């Protein structure tokens, strides 16, 4: 795929676009980790949830992690898991979209806790399989880190599945390093899956 790469804040009306990227990325990267019935419902949920997330983003009562915390997945040069719908900071999180040739193909969702604005977590970072290898995810990560840096963030971290080498290679390529922390994350089926933490100090 060729074409100009652009990055822009997600708007309240972009729920279908973000949901499509999230669902298709999950289908490509995560199918082998879950039972078929649970997985089908998980994909359906991720396809439809973003209308509410984008509507709530930036609200002082919203939770920036929500059920996407620890939900970072990957493509490669692209991977394939944020304030507010217009790029606002704070508890609502920020959602950025990246497009190749005018088609949105990746999104990031990130935020900082009010008590520690110098730290941020990438809650979700996904690329549609159609965008893998296009450079869209790399452009999105650069823009995501630039926005954090401009907001005063100095340390960024994320969690990704231990057994997704594609995403782990991508984060390493972007300058992240394993922190050494490992956890089991339950996506709702009662079977925790190992995740590893990656961290980056911004300068």
N, C-alpha and C. Protein backbone atom coordinates (compact mmCIF):
# COMPACT_ATOMS: atom_id res chain seq x y z
N UNK A 1 0.85 -1.19 0.00
CA UNK A 1 0.00 0.00 0.00
C UNK A 1 0.88 1.24 0.00
N UNK A 2 0.55 2.20 -0.83
CA UNK A 2 1.30 3.44 -0.87
C UNK A 2 0.35 4.58 -0.65
N UNK A 3 0.90 5.77 -0.46
CA UNK A 3 0.06 6.94 -0.25
C UNK A 3 0.56 7.73 0.92
N UNK A 4 0.12 8.97 1.02
CA UNK A 4 0.54 9.83 2.10
C UNK A 4 0.02 9.30 3.43
N UNK A 5 0.85 9.45 4.46
CA UNK A 5 0.48 9.05 5.81
C UNK A 5 0.11 10.29 6.60
N UNK A 6 -1.05 10.27 7.24
CA UNK A 6 -1.51 11.39 8.05
C UNK A 6 -1.96 10.87 9.41
N UNK A 7 -1.80 11.70 10.43
CA UNK A 7 -2.23 11.38 11.79
C UNK A 7 -3.08 12.53 12.30
N UNK A 8 -4.20 12.19 12.94
CA UNK A 8 -5.13 13.22 13.39
C UNK A 8 -5.94 12.71 14.57
N UNK A 9 -6.47 13.62 15.40
CA UNK A 9 -7.29 13.20 16.54
C UNK A 9 -8.60 12.55 16.07
N UNK A 10 -8.99 11.48 16.72
CA UNK A 10 -10.28 10.87 16.44
C UNK A 10 -11.39 11.79 16.91
N UNK A 11 -12.47 11.85 16.15
CA UNK A 11 -13.63 12.66 16.50
C UNK A 11 -14.74 11.76 17.05
N UNK A 12 -15.74 12.37 17.64
CA UNK A 12 -16.82 11.62 18.26
C UNK A 12 -17.53 10.71 17.25
N UNK A 13 -17.51 11.08 15.98
CA UNK A 13 -18.18 10.29 14.97
C UNK A 13 -17.34 9.18 14.35
N UNK A 14 -16.15 8.96 14.89
CA UNK A 14 -15.24 7.97 14.32
C UNK A 14 -15.35 6.59 14.97
N UNK A 15 -16.42 6.34 15.70
CA UNK A 15 -16.54 5.06 16.40
C UNK A 15 -16.49 3.86 15.49
N UNK A 16 -17.15 3.93 14.33
CA UNK A 16 -17.13 2.80 13.40
C UNK A 16 -15.73 2.56 12.85
N UNK A 17 -15.02 3.64 12.56
CA UNK A 17 -13.68 3.54 11.99
C UNK A 17 -12.72 2.89 12.99
N UNK A 18 -12.73 3.40 14.23
CA UNK A 18 -11.84 2.85 15.26
C UNK A 18 -12.23 1.41 15.57
N UNK A 19 -13.52 1.14 15.65
CA UNK A 19 -13.99 -0.20 15.93
C UNK A 19 -13.58 -1.21 14.87
N UNK A 20 -13.62 -0.81 13.62
CA UNK A 20 -13.21 -1.69 12.54
C UNK A 20 -11.73 -2.04 12.65
N UNK A 21 -10.90 -1.05 12.92
CA UNK A 21 -9.46 -1.31 13.08
C UNK A 21 -9.22 -2.25 14.25
N UNK A 22 -9.89 -1.97 15.38
CA UNK A 22 -9.71 -2.78 16.58
C UNK A 22 -10.12 -4.23 16.33
N UNK A 23 -11.28 -4.41 15.75
CA UNK A 23 -11.80 -5.76 15.53
C UNK A 23 -10.96 -6.55 14.54
N UNK A 24 -10.59 -5.92 13.43
CA UNK A 24 -9.83 -6.65 12.41
C UNK A 24 -8.41 -6.96 12.90
N UNK A 25 -7.84 -6.07 13.69
CA UNK A 25 -6.53 -6.35 14.27
C UNK A 25 -6.60 -7.52 15.23
N UNK A 26 -7.64 -7.52 16.07
CA UNK A 26 -7.83 -8.64 17.00
C UNK A 26 -7.98 -9.95 16.24
N UNK A 27 -8.78 -9.95 15.19
CA UNK A 27 -9.01 -11.18 14.42
C UNK A 27 -7.71 -11.72 13.84
N UNK A 28 -6.84 -10.83 13.42
CA UNK A 28 -5.59 -11.26 12.81
C UNK A 28 -4.54 -11.69 13.83
N UNK A 29 -4.53 -11.04 15.00
CA UNK A 29 -3.43 -11.24 15.94
C UNK A 29 -3.75 -12.14 17.12
N UNK A 30 -5.04 -12.26 17.49
CA UNK A 30 -5.38 -12.86 18.78
C UNK A 30 -6.19 -14.15 18.70
N UNK A 31 -6.60 -14.57 17.52
CA UNK A 31 -7.54 -15.69 17.43
C UNK A 31 -7.04 -16.94 18.14
N UNK A 32 -5.75 -17.18 18.10
CA UNK A 32 -5.23 -18.40 18.70
C UNK A 32 -5.17 -18.42 20.21
N UNK A 33 -5.51 -17.29 20.86
CA UNK A 33 -5.39 -17.21 22.31
C UNK A 33 -6.69 -17.51 23.05
N UNK A 34 -7.81 -17.64 22.33
CA UNK A 34 -9.11 -17.74 22.98
C UNK A 34 -9.96 -18.84 22.35
N UNK A 35 -10.94 -19.31 23.14
CA UNK A 35 -11.93 -20.24 22.60
C UNK A 35 -12.78 -19.52 21.56
N UNK A 36 -13.22 -20.21 20.51
CA UNK A 36 -13.92 -19.54 19.40
C UNK A 36 -15.14 -18.73 19.82
N UNK A 37 -15.98 -19.26 20.69
CA UNK A 37 -17.20 -18.52 21.05
C UNK A 37 -16.86 -17.24 21.81
N UNK A 38 -15.94 -17.34 22.77
CA UNK A 38 -15.53 -16.14 23.52
C UNK A 38 -14.89 -15.13 22.58
N UNK A 39 -14.05 -15.62 21.68
CA UNK A 39 -13.34 -14.72 20.79
C UNK A 39 -14.30 -13.96 19.88
N UNK A 40 -15.30 -14.65 19.35
CA UNK A 40 -16.27 -13.98 18.47
C UNK A 40 -16.98 -12.85 19.20
N UNK A 41 -17.34 -13.08 20.45
CA UNK A 41 -18.00 -12.04 21.24
C UNK A 41 -17.04 -10.90 21.56
N UNK A 42 -15.78 -11.24 21.85
CA UNK A 42 -14.78 -10.21 22.15
C UNK A 42 -14.56 -9.30 20.94
N UNK A 43 -14.50 -9.88 19.76
CA UNK A 43 -14.33 -9.09 18.54
C UNK A 43 -15.55 -8.20 18.32
N UNK A 44 -16.75 -8.77 18.50
CA UNK A 44 -17.98 -7.99 18.33
C UNK A 44 -17.99 -6.80 19.29
N UNK A 45 -17.59 -7.03 20.54
CA UNK A 45 -17.56 -5.96 21.52
C UNK A 45 -16.59 -4.85 21.11
N UNK A 46 -15.42 -5.22 20.63
CA UNK A 46 -14.43 -4.21 20.25
C UNK A 46 -14.86 -3.45 19.00
N UNK A 47 -15.62 -4.09 18.14
CA UNK A 47 -16.11 -3.38 16.96
C UNK A 47 -17.13 -2.30 17.34
N UNK A 48 -17.91 -2.56 18.40
CA UNK A 48 -19.01 -1.65 18.71
C UNK A 48 -18.79 -0.69 19.87
N UNK A 49 -17.72 -0.86 20.63
CA UNK A 49 -17.55 -0.11 21.88
C UNK A 49 -17.10 1.33 21.72
N UNK A 50 -16.53 1.68 20.56
CA UNK A 50 -15.81 2.95 20.46
C UNK A 50 -16.69 4.18 20.36
N UNK A 51 -17.96 4.01 20.00
CA UNK A 51 -18.86 5.16 20.03
C UNK A 51 -18.94 5.72 21.45
N UNK A 52 -19.11 4.84 22.42
CA UNK A 52 -19.20 5.29 23.81
C UNK A 52 -17.87 5.79 24.33
N UNK A 53 -16.78 5.13 23.96
CA UNK A 53 -15.45 5.55 24.43
C UNK A 53 -15.13 6.95 23.93
N UNK A 54 -15.37 7.20 22.65
CA UNK A 54 -15.06 8.51 22.08
C UNK A 54 -15.98 9.59 22.62
N UNK A 55 -17.24 9.23 22.89
CA UNK A 55 -18.16 10.19 23.46
C UNK A 55 -17.75 10.58 24.87
N UNK A 56 -17.17 9.63 25.61
CA UNK A 56 -16.80 9.87 27.00
C UNK A 56 -15.40 10.43 27.15
N UNK A 57 -14.57 10.29 26.13
CA UNK A 57 -13.17 10.72 26.24
C UNK A 57 -13.10 12.20 26.61
N UNK A 58 -12.28 12.50 27.57
CA UNK A 58 -12.16 13.87 28.03
C UNK A 58 -13.08 14.22 29.17
N UNK A 59 -14.06 13.34 29.45
CA UNK A 59 -14.95 13.59 30.59
C UNK A 59 -14.19 13.44 31.89
N UNK A 60 -14.39 14.32 32.88
CA UNK A 60 -13.66 14.20 34.14
C UNK A 60 -13.99 12.94 34.90
N UNK A 61 -15.10 12.28 34.57
CA UNK A 61 -15.49 11.07 35.29
C UNK A 61 -15.12 9.80 34.54
N UNK A 62 -14.48 9.94 33.38
CA UNK A 62 -14.20 8.76 32.57
C UNK A 62 -12.90 8.11 33.01
N UNK A 63 -12.80 6.81 32.71
CA UNK A 63 -11.61 6.03 33.04
C UNK A 63 -10.80 5.87 31.77
N UNK A 64 -9.55 6.40 31.73
CA UNK A 64 -8.81 6.34 30.48
C UNK A 64 -8.46 4.94 30.05
N UNK A 65 -8.31 4.01 30.97
CA UNK A 65 -7.97 2.65 30.59
C UNK A 65 -9.18 1.88 30.17
N UNK A 66 -10.23 1.96 30.96
CA UNK A 66 -11.43 1.21 30.67
C UNK A 66 -11.10 -0.25 30.46
N UNK A 67 -11.83 -0.92 29.57
CA UNK A 67 -11.53 -2.33 29.35
C UNK A 67 -10.52 -2.53 28.23
N UNK A 68 -9.88 -1.41 27.78
CA UNK A 68 -8.80 -1.58 26.83
C UNK A 68 -7.46 -1.60 27.52
N UNK A 69 -7.40 -1.31 28.82
CA UNK A 69 -6.12 -1.34 29.52
C UNK A 69 -5.51 -2.72 29.38
N UNK A 70 -4.23 -2.75 29.04
CA UNK A 70 -3.57 -4.03 28.85
C UNK A 70 -3.98 -4.71 27.56
N UNK A 71 -4.66 -3.98 26.68
CA UNK A 71 -5.24 -4.56 25.47
C UNK A 71 -4.43 -4.16 24.25
N UNK A 72 -3.13 -3.95 24.43
CA UNK A 72 -2.30 -3.52 23.33
C UNK A 72 -1.92 -4.71 22.47
N UNK A 73 -2.12 -4.59 21.17
CA UNK A 73 -1.79 -5.70 20.29
C UNK A 73 -0.85 -5.23 19.20
N UNK A 74 -0.56 -6.08 18.23
CA UNK A 74 0.40 -5.62 17.29
C UNK A 74 0.33 -6.10 15.88
N UNK A 75 0.77 -5.26 15.00
CA UNK A 75 1.15 -5.56 13.62
C UNK A 75 2.66 -5.44 13.63
N UNK A 76 3.32 -5.07 12.65
CA UNK A 76 4.77 -5.03 12.76
C UNK A 76 5.29 -3.68 12.37
N UNK A 77 5.19 -3.39 11.19
CA UNK A 77 5.69 -2.11 10.75
C UNK A 77 4.47 -1.37 10.37
N UNK A 78 3.86 -1.50 11.27
CA UNK A 78 2.65 -1.48 11.96
C UNK A 78 2.58 -2.50 13.06
N UNK A 79 1.92 -2.16 14.17
CA UNK A 79 1.48 -3.23 15.04
C UNK A 79 -0.02 -3.28 15.06
N UNK A 80 -0.44 -4.38 15.60
CA UNK A 80 -1.86 -4.56 15.54
C UNK A 80 -2.46 -5.53 16.40
N UNK A 81 -2.60 -2.90 21.09
CA UNK A 81 -2.95 -2.31 21.70
C UNK A 81 -2.70 -2.18 21.71
N UNK A 82 -4.58 9.62 23.59
CA UNK A 82 -5.55 9.24 23.76
C UNK A 82 -6.17 10.02 24.69
N UNK A 83 -5.63 13.33 25.50
CA UNK A 83 -6.89 13.24 25.85
C UNK A 83 -7.99 13.53 24.93
N UNK A 84 -8.85 12.67 24.86
CA UNK A 84 -10.17 12.96 24.38
C UNK A 84 -10.30 12.92 22.87
N UNK A 85 -11.53 13.14 22.44
CA UNK A 85 -11.85 13.00 21.02
C UNK A 85 -11.18 14.04 20.17
N UNK A 86 -10.83 15.15 20.75
CA UNK A 86 -10.17 16.18 19.96
C UNK A 86 -8.73 16.35 20.34
N UNK A 87 -8.15 15.37 21.01
CA UNK A 87 -6.75 15.46 21.39
C UNK A 87 -6.58 16.08 22.75
N UNK A 88 -7.60 16.12 23.57
CA UNK A 88 -7.48 16.70 24.89
C UNK A 88 -6.79 15.74 25.81
N UNK A 89 -6.17 16.25 26.87
CA UNK A 89 -5.44 15.41 27.81
C UNK A 89 -6.30 15.07 29.00
N UNK A 90 -5.67 14.45 30.01
CA UNK A 90 -6.37 14.21 31.26
C UNK A 90 -6.96 12.83 31.35
N UNK A 91 -7.96 12.71 32.22
CA UNK A 91 -8.45 11.38 32.57
C UNK A 91 -9.17 10.70 31.43
N UNK A 92 -9.66 11.45 30.44
CA UNK A 92 -10.41 10.81 29.37
C UNK A 92 -9.56 10.08 28.38
N UNK A 93 -8.27 10.36 28.30
CA UNK A 93 -7.41 9.73 27.33
C UNK A 93 -7.50 10.39 25.97
N UNK A 94 -6.55 10.09 25.12
CA UNK A 94 -6.50 10.62 23.75
C UNK A 94 -6.57 9.46 22.77
N UNK A 95 -7.32 9.64 21.70
CA UNK A 95 -7.36 8.68 20.61
C UNK A 95 -6.85 9.38 19.35
N UNK A 96 -5.79 8.84 18.77
CA UNK A 96 -5.28 9.34 17.50
C UNK A 96 -5.51 8.29 16.43
N UNK A 97 -5.83 8.75 15.24
CA UNK A 97 -5.98 7.88 14.07
C UNK A 97 -4.87 8.18 13.07
N UNK A 98 -4.44 7.16 12.36
CA UNK A 98 -3.47 7.33 11.29
C UNK A 98 -4.05 6.75 10.01
N UNK A 99 -3.87 7.47 8.92
CA UNK A 99 -4.43 7.05 7.63
C UNK A 99 -3.32 6.92 6.60
N UNK A 100 -3.49 6.00 5.69
CA UNK A 100 -2.59 5.84 4.54
C UNK A 100 -3.43 6.03 3.28
N UNK A 101 -3.05 6.99 2.45
CA UNK A 101 -3.82 7.27 1.25
C UNK A 101 -5.24 7.68 1.54
N UNK A 102 -5.46 8.30 2.70
CA UNK A 102 -6.78 8.78 3.09
C UNK A 102 -7.63 7.77 3.84
N UNK A 103 -7.18 6.53 3.96
CA UNK A 103 -7.95 5.50 4.67
C UNK A 103 -7.39 5.30 6.07
N UNK A 104 -8.18 5.52 7.13
CA UNK A 104 -7.70 5.27 8.49
C UNK A 104 -7.40 3.78 8.69
N UNK A 105 -6.18 3.50 9.17
CA UNK A 105 -5.74 2.11 9.29
C UNK A 105 -5.10 1.79 10.63
N UNK A 106 -4.97 2.76 11.52
CA UNK A 106 -4.37 2.49 12.82
C UNK A 106 -4.85 3.52 13.82
N UNK A 107 -4.87 3.12 15.09
CA UNK A 107 -5.20 4.08 16.14
C UNK A 107 -4.39 3.80 17.39
N UNK A 108 -4.18 4.86 18.16
CA UNK A 108 -3.56 4.73 19.48
C UNK A 108 -4.51 5.35 20.50
N UNK A 109 -4.46 4.80 21.72
CA UNK A 109 -5.30 5.27 22.81
C UNK A 109 -4.40 5.36 24.04
N UNK A 110 -4.21 6.57 24.57
CA UNK A 110 -3.25 6.75 25.64
C UNK A 110 -3.70 7.86 26.59
N UNK A 111 -3.10 7.88 27.77
CA UNK A 111 -3.46 8.90 28.74
C UNK A 111 -2.55 8.86 29.95
N UNK A 112 -2.70 9.89 30.78
CA UNK A 112 -1.93 10.04 32.01
C UNK A 112 -2.86 10.17 33.20
N UNK A 113 -2.49 9.60 34.35
CA UNK A 113 -3.30 9.83 35.56
C UNK A 113 -3.12 11.26 36.03
N UNK A 114 -4.17 11.90 36.56
CA UNK A 114 -4.05 13.29 37.00
C UNK A 114 -2.94 13.50 38.02
N UNK A 115 -2.69 12.50 38.87
CA UNK A 115 -1.69 12.64 39.92
C UNK A 115 -0.26 12.50 39.40
N UNK A 116 -0.09 12.02 38.16
CA UNK A 116 1.25 11.80 37.62
C UNK A 116 1.28 12.17 36.14
N UNK A 117 1.12 13.46 35.81
CA UNK A 117 1.03 13.85 34.41
C UNK A 117 2.32 13.63 33.63
N UNK A 118 3.43 13.38 34.34
CA UNK A 118 4.68 13.14 33.64
C UNK A 118 4.82 11.70 33.15
N UNK A 119 3.86 10.85 33.52
CA UNK A 119 3.86 9.46 33.08
C UNK A 119 2.61 9.20 32.24
N UNK A 120 2.72 8.28 31.30
CA UNK A 120 1.58 7.95 30.46
C UNK A 120 1.60 6.47 30.12
N UNK A 121 0.42 5.94 29.84
CA UNK A 121 0.29 4.56 29.38
C UNK A 121 -0.39 4.54 28.03
N UNK A 122 0.12 3.71 27.13
CA UNK A 122 -0.57 3.43 25.88
C UNK A 122 -1.50 2.26 26.16
N UNK A 123 -2.79 2.56 26.21
CA UNK A 123 -3.79 1.53 26.55
C UNK A 123 -4.07 0.61 25.38
N UNK A 124 -4.02 1.16 24.19
CA UNK A 124 -4.28 0.38 22.99
C UNK A 124 -3.54 0.95 21.81
N UNK A 125 -2.96 0.07 20.98
CA UNK A 125 -2.27 0.51 19.77
C UNK A 125 -2.49 -0.58 18.72
N UNK A 126 -3.27 -0.26 17.71
CA UNK A 126 -3.73 -1.27 16.75
C UNK A 126 -3.61 -0.79 15.32
N UNK A 127 -3.26 -1.70 14.43
CA UNK A 127 -3.27 -1.42 13.01
C UNK A 127 -4.10 -2.47 12.30
N UNK A 128 -4.91 -2.02 11.37
CA UNK A 128 -5.68 -2.94 10.52
C UNK A 128 -4.70 -3.79 9.70
N UNK A 129 -4.97 -5.07 9.53
CA UNK A 129 -4.05 -5.89 8.73
C UNK A 129 -3.77 -5.34 7.33
N UNK A 130 -4.72 -4.61 6.76
CA UNK A 130 -4.49 -4.03 5.44
C UNK A 130 -3.38 -2.99 5.46
N UNK A 131 -3.06 -2.49 6.66
CA UNK A 131 -2.02 -1.48 6.77
C UNK A 131 -0.68 -2.02 7.22
N UNK A 132 -0.59 -3.30 7.49
CA UNK A 132 0.67 -3.87 7.95
C UNK A 132 1.74 -3.72 6.87
N UNK A 133 2.89 -3.21 7.26
CA UNK A 133 3.98 -3.02 6.32
C UNK A 133 3.91 -1.72 5.54
N UNK A 134 2.89 -0.91 5.78
CA UNK A 134 2.72 0.34 5.03
C UNK A 134 3.45 1.51 5.66
N UNK A 135 3.89 1.35 6.92
CA UNK A 135 4.50 2.47 7.64
C UNK A 135 3.52 3.27 8.46
N UNK A 136 2.22 2.92 8.38
CA UNK A 136 1.22 3.73 9.07
C UNK A 136 1.37 3.62 10.59
N UNK A 137 1.71 2.44 11.09
CA UNK A 137 1.86 2.29 12.54
C UNK A 137 3.08 3.04 13.06
N UNK A 138 4.17 3.01 12.29
CA UNK A 138 5.35 3.76 12.70
C UNK A 138 5.08 5.25 12.75
N UNK A 139 4.35 5.77 11.75
CA UNK A 139 4.00 7.18 11.74
C UNK A 139 3.11 7.52 12.93
N UNK A 140 2.19 6.62 13.24
CA UNK A 140 1.30 6.84 14.38
C UNK A 140 2.07 6.84 15.69
N UNK A 141 3.00 5.92 15.87
CA UNK A 141 3.76 5.89 17.11
C UNK A 141 4.59 7.16 17.26
N UNK A 142 5.20 7.62 16.18
CA UNK A 142 5.97 8.86 16.24
C UNK A 142 5.09 10.02 16.68
N UNK A 143 3.90 10.15 16.10
CA UNK A 143 2.99 11.23 16.46
C UNK A 143 2.49 11.08 17.88
N UNK A 144 2.23 9.84 18.31
CA UNK A 144 1.76 9.59 19.68
C UNK A 144 2.81 10.04 20.69
N UNK A 145 4.05 9.65 20.48
CA UNK A 145 5.12 10.03 21.40
C UNK A 145 5.39 11.54 21.35
N UNK A 146 5.29 12.14 20.17
CA UNK A 146 5.47 13.59 20.07
C UNK A 146 4.41 14.33 20.86
N UNK A 147 3.16 13.86 20.78
CA UNK A 147 2.09 14.53 21.52
C UNK A 147 2.31 14.39 23.02
N UNK A 148 2.73 13.21 23.45
CA UNK A 148 3.03 13.02 24.88
C UNK A 148 4.15 13.95 25.33
N UNK A 149 5.21 14.01 24.54
CA UNK A 149 6.35 14.85 24.88
C UNK A 149 5.94 16.31 25.01
N UNK A 150 5.12 16.77 24.09
CA UNK A 150 4.66 18.17 24.13
C UNK A 150 3.76 18.43 25.32
N UNK A 151 3.13 17.37 25.87
CA UNK A 151 2.27 17.51 27.04
C UNK A 151 3.03 17.38 28.36
N UNK A 152 4.35 17.20 28.27
CA UNK A 152 5.15 17.10 29.47
C UNK A 152 5.40 15.70 29.97
N UNK A 153 4.98 14.70 29.19
CA UNK A 153 5.19 13.31 29.60
C UNK A 153 6.68 12.97 29.43
N UNK A 154 7.21 12.25 30.41
CA UNK A 154 8.62 11.85 30.37
C UNK A 154 8.79 10.34 30.35
N UNK A 155 7.80 9.58 30.82
CA UNK A 155 7.93 8.13 30.81
C UNK A 155 6.64 7.53 30.25
N UNK A 156 6.79 6.61 29.31
CA UNK A 156 5.66 5.94 28.67
C UNK A 156 5.81 4.44 28.89
N UNK A 157 4.70 3.78 29.15
CA UNK A 157 4.76 2.33 29.22
C UNK A 157 3.52 1.72 28.59
N UNK A 158 3.59 0.43 28.31
CA UNK A 158 2.47 -0.30 27.74
C UNK A 158 2.65 -1.78 28.09
N UNK A 159 1.57 -2.52 27.93
CA UNK A 159 1.61 -3.97 28.11
C UNK A 159 1.21 -4.63 26.80
N UNK A 160 1.89 -5.70 26.44
CA UNK A 160 1.53 -6.45 25.25
C UNK A 160 1.67 -7.94 25.55
N UNK A 161 0.99 -8.77 24.80
CA UNK A 161 1.05 -10.19 25.07
C UNK A 161 2.47 -10.72 24.89
N UNK A 162 2.87 -11.56 25.81
CA UNK A 162 4.21 -12.13 25.77
C UNK A 162 4.46 -12.91 24.47
N UNK A 163 3.42 -13.59 24.00
CA UNK A 163 3.59 -14.50 22.87
C UNK A 163 3.11 -13.90 21.55
N UNK A 164 3.32 -12.60 21.39
CA UNK A 164 3.05 -11.93 20.11
C UNK A 164 4.36 -11.29 19.63
N UNK A 165 5.23 -12.06 19.02
CA UNK A 165 6.54 -11.53 18.62
C UNK A 165 6.47 -10.37 17.65
N UNK A 166 5.42 -10.32 16.84
CA UNK A 166 5.30 -9.21 15.89
C UNK A 166 5.18 -7.88 16.62
N UNK A 167 4.31 -7.82 17.61
CA UNK A 167 4.13 -6.57 18.35
C UNK A 167 5.38 -6.25 19.15
N UNK A 168 6.02 -7.25 19.72
CA UNK A 168 7.20 -7.00 20.54
C UNK A 168 8.35 -6.45 19.68
N UNK A 169 8.49 -6.95 18.48
CA UNK A 169 9.50 -6.40 17.58
C UNK A 169 9.20 -4.95 17.23
N UNK A 170 7.92 -4.67 17.01
CA UNK A 170 7.53 -3.30 16.66
C UNK A 170 7.87 -2.33 17.79
N UNK A 171 7.50 -2.66 19.01
CA UNK A 171 7.77 -1.74 20.13
C UNK A 171 9.27 -1.56 20.35
N UNK A 172 10.04 -2.63 20.20
CA UNK A 172 11.49 -2.50 20.32
C UNK A 172 12.05 -1.58 19.23
N UNK A 173 11.52 -1.72 18.02
CA UNK A 173 11.96 -0.87 16.91
C UNK A 173 11.65 0.59 17.18
N UNK A 174 10.58 0.84 17.92
CA UNK A 174 10.17 2.22 18.25
C UNK A 174 10.93 2.77 19.46
N UNK A 175 11.84 2.01 20.03
CA UNK A 175 12.66 2.50 21.12
C UNK A 175 12.26 2.02 22.50
N UNK A 176 11.17 1.25 22.61
CA UNK A 176 10.75 0.72 23.90
C UNK A 176 11.66 -0.44 24.30
N UNK A 177 11.79 -0.64 25.61
CA UNK A 177 12.56 -1.77 26.13
C UNK A 177 11.72 -2.48 27.18
N UNK A 178 11.94 -3.78 27.29
CA UNK A 178 11.24 -4.53 28.33
C UNK A 178 11.66 -4.04 29.71
N UNK A 179 10.68 -3.83 30.57
CA UNK A 179 10.97 -3.39 31.94
C UNK A 179 11.32 -4.56 32.84
N UNK A 180 10.98 -5.75 32.43
CA UNK A 180 11.16 -6.94 33.25
C UNK A 180 9.90 -7.35 33.98
N UNK A 181 8.88 -6.49 33.96
CA UNK A 181 7.61 -6.80 34.63
C UNK A 181 6.77 -7.71 33.74
N UNK A 182 6.15 -8.70 34.36
CA UNK A 182 5.26 -9.63 33.67
C UNK A 182 4.00 -9.77 34.50
N UNK A 183 2.84 -9.90 33.85
CA UNK A 183 1.59 -10.09 34.57
C UNK A 183 0.68 -10.98 33.75
N UNK A 184 -0.29 -11.54 34.41
CA UNK A 184 -1.34 -12.28 33.72
C UNK A 184 -2.55 -11.38 33.58
N UNK A 185 -3.05 -11.23 32.36
CA UNK A 185 -4.22 -10.37 32.12
C UNK A 185 -5.40 -11.22 31.67
N UNK A 186 -6.52 -11.10 32.39
CA UNK A 186 -7.74 -11.83 32.07
C UNK A 186 -8.62 -10.95 31.19
N UNK A 187 -8.82 -11.34 29.96
CA UNK A 187 -9.65 -10.57 29.04
C UNK A 187 -11.14 -10.84 29.23
N UNK A 188 -11.48 -11.67 30.21
CA UNK A 188 -12.88 -11.91 30.51
C UNK A 188 -13.31 -13.35 30.42
N UNK A 189 -12.40 -14.24 30.03
CA UNK A 189 -12.77 -15.65 29.91
C UNK A 189 -12.28 -16.49 31.08
N UNK A 190 -11.67 -15.83 32.08
CA UNK A 190 -11.19 -16.55 33.24
C UNK A 190 -9.86 -17.23 33.06
N UNK A 191 -9.17 -16.94 31.96
CA UNK A 191 -7.88 -17.57 31.69
C UNK A 191 -6.83 -16.48 31.43
N UNK A 192 -6.14 -16.04 32.48
CA UNK A 192 -5.15 -14.97 32.29
C UNK A 192 -4.08 -15.35 31.28
N UNK A 193 -3.70 -14.38 30.47
CA UNK A 193 -2.68 -14.56 29.45
C UNK A 193 -1.46 -13.72 29.84
N UNK A 194 -0.25 -14.27 29.76
CA UNK A 194 0.93 -13.50 30.16
C UNK A 194 1.15 -12.27 29.28
N UNK A 195 1.44 -11.16 29.94
CA UNK A 195 1.79 -9.93 29.25
C UNK A 195 3.12 -9.44 29.78
N UNK A 196 3.86 -8.74 28.93
CA UNK A 196 5.12 -8.13 29.33
C UNK A 196 5.00 -6.61 29.19
N UNK A 197 5.69 -5.90 30.05
CA UNK A 197 5.66 -4.44 30.03
C UNK A 197 6.84 -3.90 29.23
N UNK A 198 6.55 -2.90 28.41
CA UNK A 198 7.59 -2.16 27.70
C UNK A 198 7.54 -0.70 28.16
N UNK A 199 8.70 -0.08 28.26
CA UNK A 199 8.76 1.29 28.75
C UNK A 199 9.74 2.10 27.91
N UNK A 200 9.54 3.41 27.93
CA UNK A 200 10.38 4.32 27.16
C UNK A 200 10.48 5.65 27.91
N UNK A 201 11.69 6.18 28.02
CA UNK A 201 11.89 7.51 28.59
C UNK A 201 11.99 8.51 27.44
N UNK A 202 11.14 9.54 27.48
CA UNK A 202 11.13 10.54 26.42
C UNK A 202 12.14 11.64 26.72
N UNK A 203 12.79 12.12 25.68
CA UNK A 203 13.77 13.20 25.84
C UNK A 203 13.50 14.28 24.81
